[in-house]
Amino acid sequence: MTLIVGIDPGSKVTGYGVITVAGSRQQYVASGCIKTSDKKSLPQRLEEIFSGVSQVLEEYPPDELAIERIFMGRSAESALKLGHARGVAMVAAANKGIPIFEYEARKVKQAVVGNGAASKDQVQVMVKTLLELQDNPQKDAADALAIALTHINTQFTLARMEGYPRTFRKGRIID
């Protein structure tokens, strides 16, 4: 059984989701949000994110961590703050020797919902359905669970493909 932690970083709210996987079976373990105070400075909020992610990794020691890859949104300042939050989450995992995998938001939405431009509400509903949850998880936690699901499915697909020829040209295998 493998334990995966997904992280949806944010300077105000960082979502996390924990899933176990055994073969092709995925099971929800936990999820939640690390919320920071607007009244604190950016360095103080980053320390809260680092401490919160470290605590999650202590409570649910994962085999792997999946995190959203940074993207350039409307504002360069927002992208930089997101990058800082993402960085401290990655350092928390790296300090524990946990392998880190990155996924673009559009690819996560495509993998979970089937539409790279899906809304947070659509991601929530699909995560609830896929993990057979009673209620919708919080939006940022649902995003983190979606990142973990994307990682599990990506790794499962790669494992199935292992041993298959990787390069073809004109119908012929090239090694």
N, C-alpha and C. Protein backbone atom coordinates (compact mmCIF):
# COMPACT_ATOMS: atom_id res chain seq x y z
N MET A 1 0.84 -1.17 0.00
CA MET A 1 0.00 0.00 0.00
C MET A 1 0.90 1.24 0.00
N THR A 2 0.54 2.21 -0.83
CA THR A 2 1.30 3.45 -0.96
C THR A 2 0.46 4.61 -0.46
N LEU A 3 1.08 5.51 0.29
CA LEU A 3 0.40 6.70 0.80
C LEU A 3 0.88 7.91 0.00
N ILE A 4 -0.07 8.66 -0.55
CA ILE A 4 0.22 9.83 -1.37
C ILE A 4 -0.38 11.05 -0.70
N VAL A 5 0.39 12.13 -0.63
CA VAL A 5 -0.13 13.42 -0.18
C VAL A 5 -0.13 14.36 -1.37
N GLY A 6 -1.28 14.98 -1.61
CA GLY A 6 -1.40 16.00 -2.64
C GLY A 6 -1.44 17.37 -1.98
N ILE A 7 -0.80 18.34 -2.59
CA ILE A 7 -0.76 19.70 -2.05
C ILE A 7 -1.21 20.69 -3.11
N ASP A 8 -2.17 21.53 -2.75
CA ASP A 8 -2.60 22.65 -3.59
C ASP A 8 -2.13 23.92 -2.88
N PRO A 9 -0.95 24.45 -3.28
CA PRO A 9 -0.37 25.56 -2.53
C PRO A 9 -1.09 26.88 -2.76
N GLY A 10 -1.07 27.71 -1.75
CA GLY A 10 -1.60 29.06 -1.83
C GLY A 10 -1.07 29.87 -0.68
N SER A 11 -0.90 31.18 -0.87
CA SER A 11 -0.35 32.00 0.19
C SER A 11 -1.37 32.26 1.29
N LYS A 12 -2.66 32.13 0.99
CA LYS A 12 -3.71 32.31 2.00
C LYS A 12 -4.28 30.97 2.47
N VAL A 13 -4.51 30.05 1.52
CA VAL A 13 -5.04 28.73 1.85
C VAL A 13 -4.27 27.69 1.06
N THR A 14 -3.69 26.74 1.77
CA THR A 14 -2.99 25.61 1.14
C THR A 14 -3.80 24.36 1.46
N GLY A 15 -4.28 23.70 0.41
CA GLY A 15 -5.05 22.48 0.60
C GLY A 15 -4.15 21.27 0.62
N TYR A 16 -4.57 20.25 1.35
CA TYR A 16 -3.84 18.97 1.33
C TYR A 16 -4.85 17.83 1.27
N GLY A 17 -4.42 16.75 0.65
CA GLY A 17 -5.25 15.56 0.55
C GLY A 17 -4.38 14.33 0.68
N VAL A 18 -4.85 13.34 1.41
CA VAL A 18 -4.09 12.11 1.65
C VAL A 18 -4.91 10.94 1.14
N ILE A 19 -4.27 10.13 0.29
CA ILE A 19 -4.92 8.97 -0.32
C ILE A 19 -3.98 7.77 -0.24
N THR A 20 -4.55 6.59 0.02
CA THR A 20 -3.77 5.37 -0.09
C THR A 20 -4.13 4.70 -1.41
N VAL A 21 -3.18 3.96 -1.94
CA VAL A 21 -3.43 3.22 -3.16
C VAL A 21 -2.81 1.83 -3.02
N ALA A 22 -3.60 0.83 -3.41
CA ALA A 22 -3.14 -0.55 -3.45
C ALA A 22 -3.60 -1.10 -4.79
N GLY A 23 -2.66 -1.35 -5.68
CA GLY A 23 -3.01 -1.75 -7.04
C GLY A 23 -3.75 -0.63 -7.73
N SER A 24 -4.95 -0.88 -8.20
CA SER A 24 -5.73 0.17 -8.86
C SER A 24 -6.81 0.74 -7.92
N ARG A 25 -6.79 0.35 -6.66
CA ARG A 25 -7.78 0.80 -5.68
C ARG A 25 -7.26 1.99 -4.89
N GLN A 26 -8.03 3.08 -4.91
CA GLN A 26 -7.66 4.30 -4.19
C GLN A 26 -8.62 4.50 -3.04
N GLN A 27 -8.10 4.97 -1.90
CA GLN A 27 -8.95 5.18 -0.75
C GLN A 27 -8.59 6.50 -0.06
N TYR A 28 -9.61 7.27 0.24
CA TYR A 28 -9.46 8.54 0.95
C TYR A 28 -8.98 8.28 2.37
N VAL A 29 -8.02 9.09 2.83
CA VAL A 29 -7.55 9.01 4.21
C VAL A 29 -7.90 10.29 4.96
N ALA A 30 -7.51 11.44 4.42
CA ALA A 30 -7.76 12.71 5.11
C ALA A 30 -7.59 13.86 4.12
N SER A 31 -8.12 15.01 4.50
CA SER A 31 -7.91 16.23 3.72
C SER A 31 -8.21 17.42 4.60
N GLY A 32 -7.76 18.58 4.16
CA GLY A 32 -8.00 19.78 4.92
C GLY A 32 -7.29 20.97 4.30
N CYS A 33 -7.31 22.06 5.04
CA CYS A 33 -6.70 23.30 4.56
C CYS A 33 -5.85 23.91 5.65
N ILE A 34 -4.73 24.46 5.24
CA ILE A 34 -3.86 25.23 6.12
C ILE A 34 -4.14 26.69 5.78
N LYS A 35 -4.79 27.39 6.70
CA LYS A 35 -5.18 28.79 6.44
C LYS A 35 -4.23 29.72 7.18
N THR A 36 -3.82 30.77 6.47
CA THR A 36 -2.94 31.77 7.08
C THR A 36 -3.71 33.06 7.27
N SER A 37 -3.20 33.90 8.14
CA SER A 37 -3.85 35.16 8.46
C SER A 37 -3.39 36.27 7.52
N ASP A 38 -4.35 37.03 6.99
CA ASP A 38 -4.04 38.18 6.13
C ASP A 38 -3.28 39.25 6.90
N LYS A 39 -3.42 39.24 8.21
CA LYS A 39 -2.81 40.29 9.03
C LYS A 39 -1.32 40.06 9.24
N LYS A 40 -0.85 38.87 8.89
CA LYS A 40 0.57 38.56 9.07
C LYS A 40 1.35 38.90 7.80
N SER A 41 2.64 39.07 7.98
CA SER A 41 3.51 39.36 6.83
C SER A 41 3.70 38.09 6.00
N LEU A 42 4.15 38.24 4.78
CA LEU A 42 4.38 37.08 3.91
C LEU A 42 5.33 36.07 4.55
N PRO A 43 6.47 36.50 5.10
CA PRO A 43 7.35 35.51 5.74
C PRO A 43 6.66 34.74 6.88
N GLN A 44 5.81 35.41 7.66
CA GLN A 44 5.10 34.73 8.73
C GLN A 44 4.09 33.73 8.17
N ARG A 45 3.41 34.11 7.09
CA ARG A 45 2.46 33.19 6.47
C ARG A 45 3.18 31.98 5.87
N LEU A 46 4.35 32.22 5.28
CA LEU A 46 5.13 31.10 4.72
C LEU A 46 5.57 30.14 5.81
N GLU A 47 5.92 30.69 6.98
CA GLU A 47 6.30 29.83 8.10
C GLU A 47 5.11 28.99 8.55
N GLU A 48 3.91 29.58 8.55
CA GLU A 48 2.70 28.83 8.91
C GLU A 48 2.45 27.70 7.91
N ILE A 49 2.65 27.98 6.63
CA ILE A 49 2.46 26.95 5.60
C ILE A 49 3.48 25.83 5.80
N PHE A 50 4.74 26.21 6.00
CA PHE A 50 5.80 25.22 6.22
C PHE A 50 5.46 24.34 7.43
N SER A 51 5.07 24.97 8.54
CA SER A 51 4.73 24.22 9.76
C SER A 51 3.52 23.32 9.53
N GLY A 52 2.51 23.85 8.84
CA GLY A 52 1.30 23.07 8.58
C GLY A 52 1.57 21.87 7.70
N VAL A 53 2.32 22.07 6.62
CA VAL A 53 2.66 20.95 5.72
C VAL A 53 3.53 19.95 6.47
N SER A 54 4.49 20.43 7.24
CA SER A 54 5.36 19.52 8.02
C SER A 54 4.52 18.67 8.97
N GLN A 55 3.53 19.29 9.60
CA GLN A 55 2.66 18.56 10.53
C GLN A 55 1.86 17.48 9.79
N VAL A 56 1.33 17.81 8.61
CA VAL A 56 0.60 16.82 7.81
C VAL A 56 1.52 15.65 7.45
N LEU A 57 2.76 15.97 7.07
CA LEU A 57 3.71 14.92 6.67
C LEU A 57 4.14 14.06 7.86
N GLU A 58 4.11 14.64 9.06
CA GLU A 58 4.40 13.87 10.27
C GLU A 58 3.23 12.94 10.60
N GLU A 59 2.02 13.47 10.50
CA GLU A 59 0.83 12.70 10.85
C GLU A 59 0.54 11.59 9.85
N TYR A 60 0.78 11.88 8.57
CA TYR A 60 0.54 10.91 7.48
C TYR A 60 1.81 10.79 6.66
N PRO A 61 2.81 10.05 7.14
CA PRO A 61 4.08 9.98 6.42
C PRO A 61 3.91 9.35 5.03
N PRO A 62 4.01 10.16 3.99
CA PRO A 62 3.73 9.65 2.65
C PRO A 62 4.94 8.98 2.00
N ASP A 63 4.63 8.15 1.03
CA ASP A 63 5.68 7.58 0.18
C ASP A 63 6.07 8.58 -0.90
N GLU A 64 5.08 9.39 -1.32
CA GLU A 64 5.31 10.39 -2.38
C GLU A 64 4.42 11.59 -2.14
N LEU A 65 4.86 12.74 -2.65
CA LEU A 65 4.08 13.97 -2.56
C LEU A 65 3.86 14.51 -3.96
N ALA A 66 2.63 14.88 -4.26
CA ALA A 66 2.29 15.49 -5.55
C ALA A 66 1.85 16.92 -5.28
N ILE A 67 2.33 17.85 -6.09
CA ILE A 67 2.05 19.26 -5.87
C ILE A 67 1.75 19.94 -7.20
N GLU A 68 0.93 20.98 -7.12
CA GLU A 68 0.59 21.72 -8.34
C GLU A 68 1.80 22.50 -8.83
N ARG A 69 2.05 22.41 -10.11
CA ARG A 69 3.13 23.17 -10.74
C ARG A 69 2.66 24.62 -10.89
N ILE A 70 3.57 25.54 -10.74
CA ILE A 70 3.22 26.96 -10.80
C ILE A 70 2.84 27.35 -12.23
N PHE A 71 1.95 28.30 -12.31
CA PHE A 71 1.53 28.83 -13.60
C PHE A 71 1.49 30.34 -13.50
N MET A 72 1.52 31.00 -14.61
CA MET A 72 1.45 32.46 -14.62
C MET A 72 -0.01 32.85 -14.81
N GLY A 73 -0.58 33.42 -13.78
CA GLY A 73 -1.98 33.85 -13.83
C GLY A 73 -2.09 35.28 -14.31
N ARG A 74 -3.06 35.96 -13.78
CA ARG A 74 -3.30 37.34 -14.18
C ARG A 74 -2.23 38.29 -13.66
N SER A 75 -1.69 37.97 -12.50
CA SER A 75 -0.78 38.90 -11.84
C SER A 75 0.55 38.22 -11.54
N ALA A 76 1.64 38.91 -11.87
CA ALA A 76 2.96 38.38 -11.57
C ALA A 76 3.16 38.29 -10.06
N GLU A 77 2.62 39.26 -9.32
CA GLU A 77 2.75 39.25 -7.86
C GLU A 77 2.07 38.03 -7.26
N SER A 78 0.89 37.69 -7.75
CA SER A 78 0.18 36.50 -7.26
C SER A 78 0.97 35.23 -7.58
N ALA A 79 1.54 35.17 -8.78
CA ALA A 79 2.33 34.00 -9.17
C ALA A 79 3.56 33.87 -8.28
N LEU A 80 4.17 34.98 -7.92
CA LEU A 80 5.34 34.93 -7.03
C LEU A 80 4.95 34.44 -5.64
N LYS A 81 3.84 34.94 -5.11
CA LYS A 81 3.38 34.48 -3.79
C LYS A 81 3.05 32.99 -3.82
N LEU A 82 2.40 32.55 -4.90
CA LEU A 82 2.10 31.13 -5.05
C LEU A 82 3.40 30.33 -5.10
N GLY A 83 4.38 30.85 -5.81
CA GLY A 83 5.68 30.18 -5.89
C GLY A 83 6.36 30.05 -4.54
N HIS A 84 6.24 31.09 -3.72
CA HIS A 84 6.80 31.02 -2.36
C HIS A 84 6.11 29.94 -1.55
N ALA A 85 4.77 29.92 -1.59
CA ALA A 85 4.01 28.93 -0.83
C ALA A 85 4.36 27.51 -1.32
N ARG A 86 4.45 27.37 -2.61
CA ARG A 86 4.80 26.08 -3.20
C ARG A 86 6.19 25.65 -2.75
N GLY A 87 7.10 26.61 -2.75
CA GLY A 87 8.49 26.33 -2.36
C GLY A 87 8.61 25.84 -0.93
N VAL A 88 7.91 26.48 0.01
CA VAL A 88 8.04 26.03 1.40
C VAL A 88 7.39 24.66 1.59
N ALA A 89 6.33 24.38 0.85
CA ALA A 89 5.72 23.04 0.93
C ALA A 89 6.69 21.99 0.39
N MET A 90 7.38 22.33 -0.69
CA MET A 90 8.35 21.39 -1.27
C MET A 90 9.54 21.18 -0.33
N VAL A 91 9.99 22.23 0.33
CA VAL A 91 11.10 22.10 1.28
C VAL A 91 10.69 21.21 2.46
N ALA A 92 9.45 21.36 2.92
CA ALA A 92 8.98 20.50 4.02
C ALA A 92 9.07 19.03 3.62
N ALA A 93 8.70 18.71 2.38
CA ALA A 93 8.78 17.33 1.90
C ALA A 93 10.23 16.91 1.66
N ALA A 94 11.02 17.80 1.05
CA ALA A 94 12.42 17.47 0.75
C ALA A 94 13.20 17.22 2.03
N ASN A 95 12.91 17.97 3.10
CA ASN A 95 13.60 17.76 4.38
C ASN A 95 13.36 16.37 4.94
N LYS A 96 12.25 15.75 4.55
CA LYS A 96 11.92 14.41 5.03
C LYS A 96 12.30 13.33 4.01
N GLY A 97 12.93 13.74 2.91
CA GLY A 97 13.36 12.79 1.89
C GLY A 97 12.22 12.20 1.07
N ILE A 98 11.11 12.92 1.00
CA ILE A 98 9.93 12.43 0.27
C ILE A 98 10.05 12.83 -1.20
N PRO A 99 9.91 11.88 -2.13
CA PRO A 99 9.94 12.22 -3.56
C PRO A 99 8.78 13.16 -3.92
N ILE A 100 9.06 14.16 -4.74
CA ILE A 100 8.08 15.18 -5.10
C ILE A 100 7.79 15.09 -6.59
N PHE A 101 6.51 15.13 -6.95
CA PHE A 101 6.06 15.10 -8.33
C PHE A 101 5.17 16.32 -8.58
N GLU A 102 5.32 16.93 -9.75
CA GLU A 102 4.60 18.16 -10.06
C GLU A 102 3.63 17.95 -11.22
N TYR A 103 2.45 18.60 -11.09
CA TYR A 103 1.42 18.49 -12.13
C TYR A 103 0.80 19.85 -12.39
N GLU A 104 0.61 20.18 -13.65
CA GLU A 104 -0.02 21.44 -14.04
C GLU A 104 -1.51 21.38 -13.73
N ALA A 105 -2.06 22.53 -13.33
CA ALA A 105 -3.48 22.60 -12.94
C ALA A 105 -4.40 22.14 -14.07
N ARG A 106 -4.11 22.56 -15.29
CA ARG A 106 -4.96 22.15 -16.43
C ARG A 106 -4.94 20.64 -16.62
N LYS A 107 -3.79 20.02 -16.42
CA LYS A 107 -3.69 18.57 -16.59
C LYS A 107 -4.41 17.83 -15.46
N VAL A 108 -4.37 18.40 -14.27
CA VAL A 108 -5.10 17.79 -13.14
C VAL A 108 -6.59 17.83 -13.43
N LYS A 109 -7.08 18.99 -13.86
CA LYS A 109 -8.51 19.13 -14.17
C LYS A 109 -8.90 18.21 -15.32
N GLN A 110 -8.04 18.10 -16.31
CA GLN A 110 -8.31 17.21 -17.45
C GLN A 110 -8.38 15.76 -16.98
N ALA A 111 -7.45 15.38 -16.11
CA ALA A 111 -7.39 13.99 -15.63
C ALA A 111 -8.58 13.63 -14.75
N VAL A 112 -9.03 14.56 -13.92
CA VAL A 112 -10.08 14.25 -12.95
C VAL A 112 -11.48 14.53 -13.50
N VAL A 113 -11.63 15.66 -14.20
CA VAL A 113 -12.95 16.06 -14.68
C VAL A 113 -13.15 15.75 -16.16
N GLY A 114 -12.04 15.73 -16.91
CA GLY A 114 -12.14 15.53 -18.36
C GLY A 114 -12.16 16.83 -19.12
N ASN A 115 -11.92 17.94 -18.40
CA ASN A 115 -11.93 19.27 -19.01
C ASN A 115 -10.86 20.10 -18.31
N GLY A 116 -9.85 20.54 -19.05
CA GLY A 116 -8.75 21.31 -18.48
C GLY A 116 -9.14 22.68 -17.97
N ALA A 117 -10.34 23.13 -18.32
CA ALA A 117 -10.82 24.44 -17.86
C ALA A 117 -11.95 24.27 -16.83
N ALA A 118 -12.01 23.13 -16.18
CA ALA A 118 -13.08 22.85 -15.21
C ALA A 118 -13.03 23.82 -14.04
N SER A 119 -14.18 24.06 -13.45
CA SER A 119 -14.28 24.95 -12.28
C SER A 119 -13.92 24.18 -11.01
N LYS A 120 -13.69 24.93 -9.93
CA LYS A 120 -13.42 24.30 -8.63
C LYS A 120 -14.62 23.46 -8.18
N ASP A 121 -15.83 23.92 -8.50
CA ASP A 121 -17.03 23.15 -8.14
C ASP A 121 -17.05 21.80 -8.85
N GLN A 122 -16.68 21.79 -10.13
CA GLN A 122 -16.66 20.53 -10.88
C GLN A 122 -15.60 19.58 -10.33
N VAL A 123 -14.45 20.12 -9.94
CA VAL A 123 -13.40 19.29 -9.35
C VAL A 123 -13.90 18.69 -8.04
N GLN A 124 -14.57 19.51 -7.22
CA GLN A 124 -15.13 19.03 -5.94
C GLN A 124 -16.05 17.84 -6.15
N VAL A 125 -16.98 17.97 -7.09
CA VAL A 125 -17.97 16.93 -7.33
C VAL A 125 -17.30 15.64 -7.82
N MET A 126 -16.34 15.76 -8.72
CA MET A 126 -15.67 14.57 -9.26
C MET A 126 -14.81 13.88 -8.19
N VAL A 127 -14.13 14.66 -7.37
CA VAL A 127 -13.33 14.08 -6.29
C VAL A 127 -14.25 13.32 -5.32
N LYS A 128 -15.37 13.94 -4.98
CA LYS A 128 -16.35 13.27 -4.11
C LYS A 128 -16.80 11.95 -4.73
N THR A 129 -17.08 11.97 -6.02
CA THR A 129 -17.54 10.77 -6.72
C THR A 129 -16.45 9.71 -6.80
N LEU A 130 -15.26 10.11 -7.23
CA LEU A 130 -14.17 9.15 -7.42
C LEU A 130 -13.74 8.48 -6.12
N LEU A 131 -13.75 9.25 -5.02
CA LEU A 131 -13.31 8.71 -3.74
C LEU A 131 -14.47 8.22 -2.88
N GLU A 132 -15.70 8.28 -3.44
CA GLU A 132 -16.90 7.80 -2.76
C GLU A 132 -17.07 8.45 -1.38
N LEU A 133 -16.96 9.79 -1.36
CA LEU A 133 -17.10 10.55 -0.12
C LEU A 133 -18.57 10.89 0.12
N GLN A 134 -18.94 11.10 1.37
CA GLN A 134 -20.31 11.47 1.72
C GLN A 134 -20.62 12.92 1.32
N ASP A 135 -19.65 13.81 1.54
CA ASP A 135 -19.84 15.23 1.26
C ASP A 135 -18.70 15.74 0.39
N ASN A 136 -18.93 16.90 -0.23
CA ASN A 136 -17.85 17.55 -0.98
C ASN A 136 -16.77 18.01 -0.01
N PRO A 137 -15.50 17.74 -0.32
CA PRO A 137 -14.43 18.30 0.51
C PRO A 137 -14.34 19.81 0.26
N GLN A 138 -13.65 20.53 1.14
CA GLN A 138 -13.41 21.96 0.91
C GLN A 138 -12.75 22.13 -0.45
N LYS A 139 -12.95 23.27 -1.09
CA LYS A 139 -12.47 23.45 -2.47
C LYS A 139 -10.96 23.26 -2.61
N ASP A 140 -10.17 23.86 -1.72
CA ASP A 140 -8.72 23.71 -1.83
C ASP A 140 -8.27 22.29 -1.48
N ALA A 141 -8.98 21.64 -0.55
CA ALA A 141 -8.69 20.25 -0.22
C ALA A 141 -9.07 19.35 -1.39
N ALA A 142 -10.17 19.66 -2.07
CA ALA A 142 -10.58 18.89 -3.25
C ALA A 142 -9.52 19.00 -4.35
N ASP A 143 -8.98 20.20 -4.53
CA ASP A 143 -7.91 20.38 -5.53
C ASP A 143 -6.69 19.54 -5.16
N ALA A 144 -6.35 19.51 -3.88
CA ALA A 144 -5.20 18.70 -3.43
C ALA A 144 -5.47 17.21 -3.64
N LEU A 145 -6.69 16.77 -3.35
CA LEU A 145 -7.04 15.36 -3.60
C LEU A 145 -6.99 15.05 -5.09
N ALA A 146 -7.42 16.00 -5.92
CA ALA A 146 -7.37 15.82 -7.38
C ALA A 146 -5.92 15.69 -7.85
N ILE A 147 -5.02 16.45 -7.26
CA ILE A 147 -3.59 16.36 -7.60
C ILE A 147 -3.07 14.97 -7.22
N ALA A 148 -3.44 14.49 -6.04
CA ALA A 148 -3.02 13.15 -5.60
C ALA A 148 -3.58 12.08 -6.53
N LEU A 149 -4.86 12.20 -6.92
CA LEU A 149 -5.47 11.24 -7.85
C LEU A 149 -4.77 11.25 -9.20
N THR A 150 -4.43 12.43 -9.68
CA THR A 150 -3.71 12.54 -10.96
C THR A 150 -2.37 11.83 -10.86
N HIS A 151 -1.68 12.03 -9.75
CA HIS A 151 -0.39 11.37 -9.56
C HIS A 151 -0.54 9.85 -9.54
N ILE A 152 -1.52 9.37 -8.80
CA ILE A 152 -1.73 7.92 -8.71
C ILE A 152 -2.02 7.35 -10.10
N ASN A 153 -2.90 7.98 -10.83
CA ASN A 153 -3.25 7.47 -12.16
C ASN A 153 -2.10 7.57 -13.13
N THR A 154 -1.31 8.63 -13.04
CA THR A 154 -0.14 8.78 -13.90
C THR A 154 0.87 7.68 -13.61
N GLN A 155 1.17 7.45 -12.33
CA GLN A 155 2.13 6.43 -11.96
C GLN A 155 1.63 5.03 -12.30
N PHE A 156 0.33 4.79 -12.12
CA PHE A 156 -0.26 3.49 -12.46
C PHE A 156 -0.12 3.23 -13.96
N THR A 157 -0.39 4.23 -14.77
CA THR A 157 -0.28 4.09 -16.22
C THR A 157 1.18 3.84 -16.62
N LEU A 158 2.11 4.59 -16.02
CA LEU A 158 3.53 4.39 -16.34
C LEU A 158 4.01 3.00 -15.94
N ALA A 159 3.53 2.52 -14.78
CA ALA A 159 3.93 1.18 -14.33
C ALA A 159 3.41 0.11 -15.28
N ARG A 160 2.18 0.30 -15.79
CA ARG A 160 1.63 -0.67 -16.74
C ARG A 160 2.40 -0.66 -18.05
N MET A 161 2.92 0.51 -18.40
CA MET A 161 3.64 0.64 -19.67
C MET A 161 5.09 0.15 -19.58
N GLU A 162 5.59 -0.03 -18.35
CA GLU A 162 6.97 -0.46 -18.18
C GLU A 162 7.20 -1.77 -18.91
N GLY A 163 8.26 -1.83 -19.63
CA GLY A 163 8.54 -3.03 -20.40
C GLY A 163 8.02 -2.96 -21.82
N TYR A 164 7.13 -2.03 -22.07
CA TYR A 164 6.64 -1.83 -23.44
C TYR A 164 7.65 -0.99 -24.20
N PRO A 165 7.77 -1.20 -25.49
CA PRO A 165 8.67 -0.34 -26.27
C PRO A 165 8.18 1.10 -26.20
N ARG A 166 9.11 2.02 -26.11
CA ARG A 166 8.74 3.42 -25.94
C ARG A 166 8.79 4.22 -27.24
N THR A 167 9.51 3.78 -28.22
CA THR A 167 9.67 4.57 -29.43
C THR A 167 9.30 3.75 -30.66
N PHE A 168 8.47 4.33 -31.49
CA PHE A 168 8.05 3.70 -32.74
C PHE A 168 8.34 4.65 -33.89
N ARG A 169 8.69 4.10 -35.04
CA ARG A 169 8.78 4.89 -36.26
C ARG A 169 8.26 4.02 -37.40
N LYS A 170 7.28 4.55 -38.08
CA LYS A 170 6.66 3.83 -39.20
C LYS A 170 6.27 2.41 -38.81
N GLY A 171 5.70 2.28 -37.59
CA GLY A 171 5.20 1.00 -37.14
C GLY A 171 6.27 0.06 -36.62
N ARG A 172 7.52 0.49 -36.57
CA ARG A 172 8.61 -0.36 -36.10
C ARG A 172 9.14 0.14 -34.77
N ILE A 173 9.54 -0.81 -33.95
CA ILE A 173 10.12 -0.48 -32.64
C ILE A 173 11.56 -0.04 -32.85
N ILE A 174 11.92 1.07 -32.21
CA ILE A 174 13.29 1.57 -32.27
C ILE A 174 13.86 1.53 -30.86
N ASP A 175 14.98 0.85 -30.68
CA ASP A 175 15.62 0.81 -29.35
C ASP A 175 16.95 1.52 -29.37
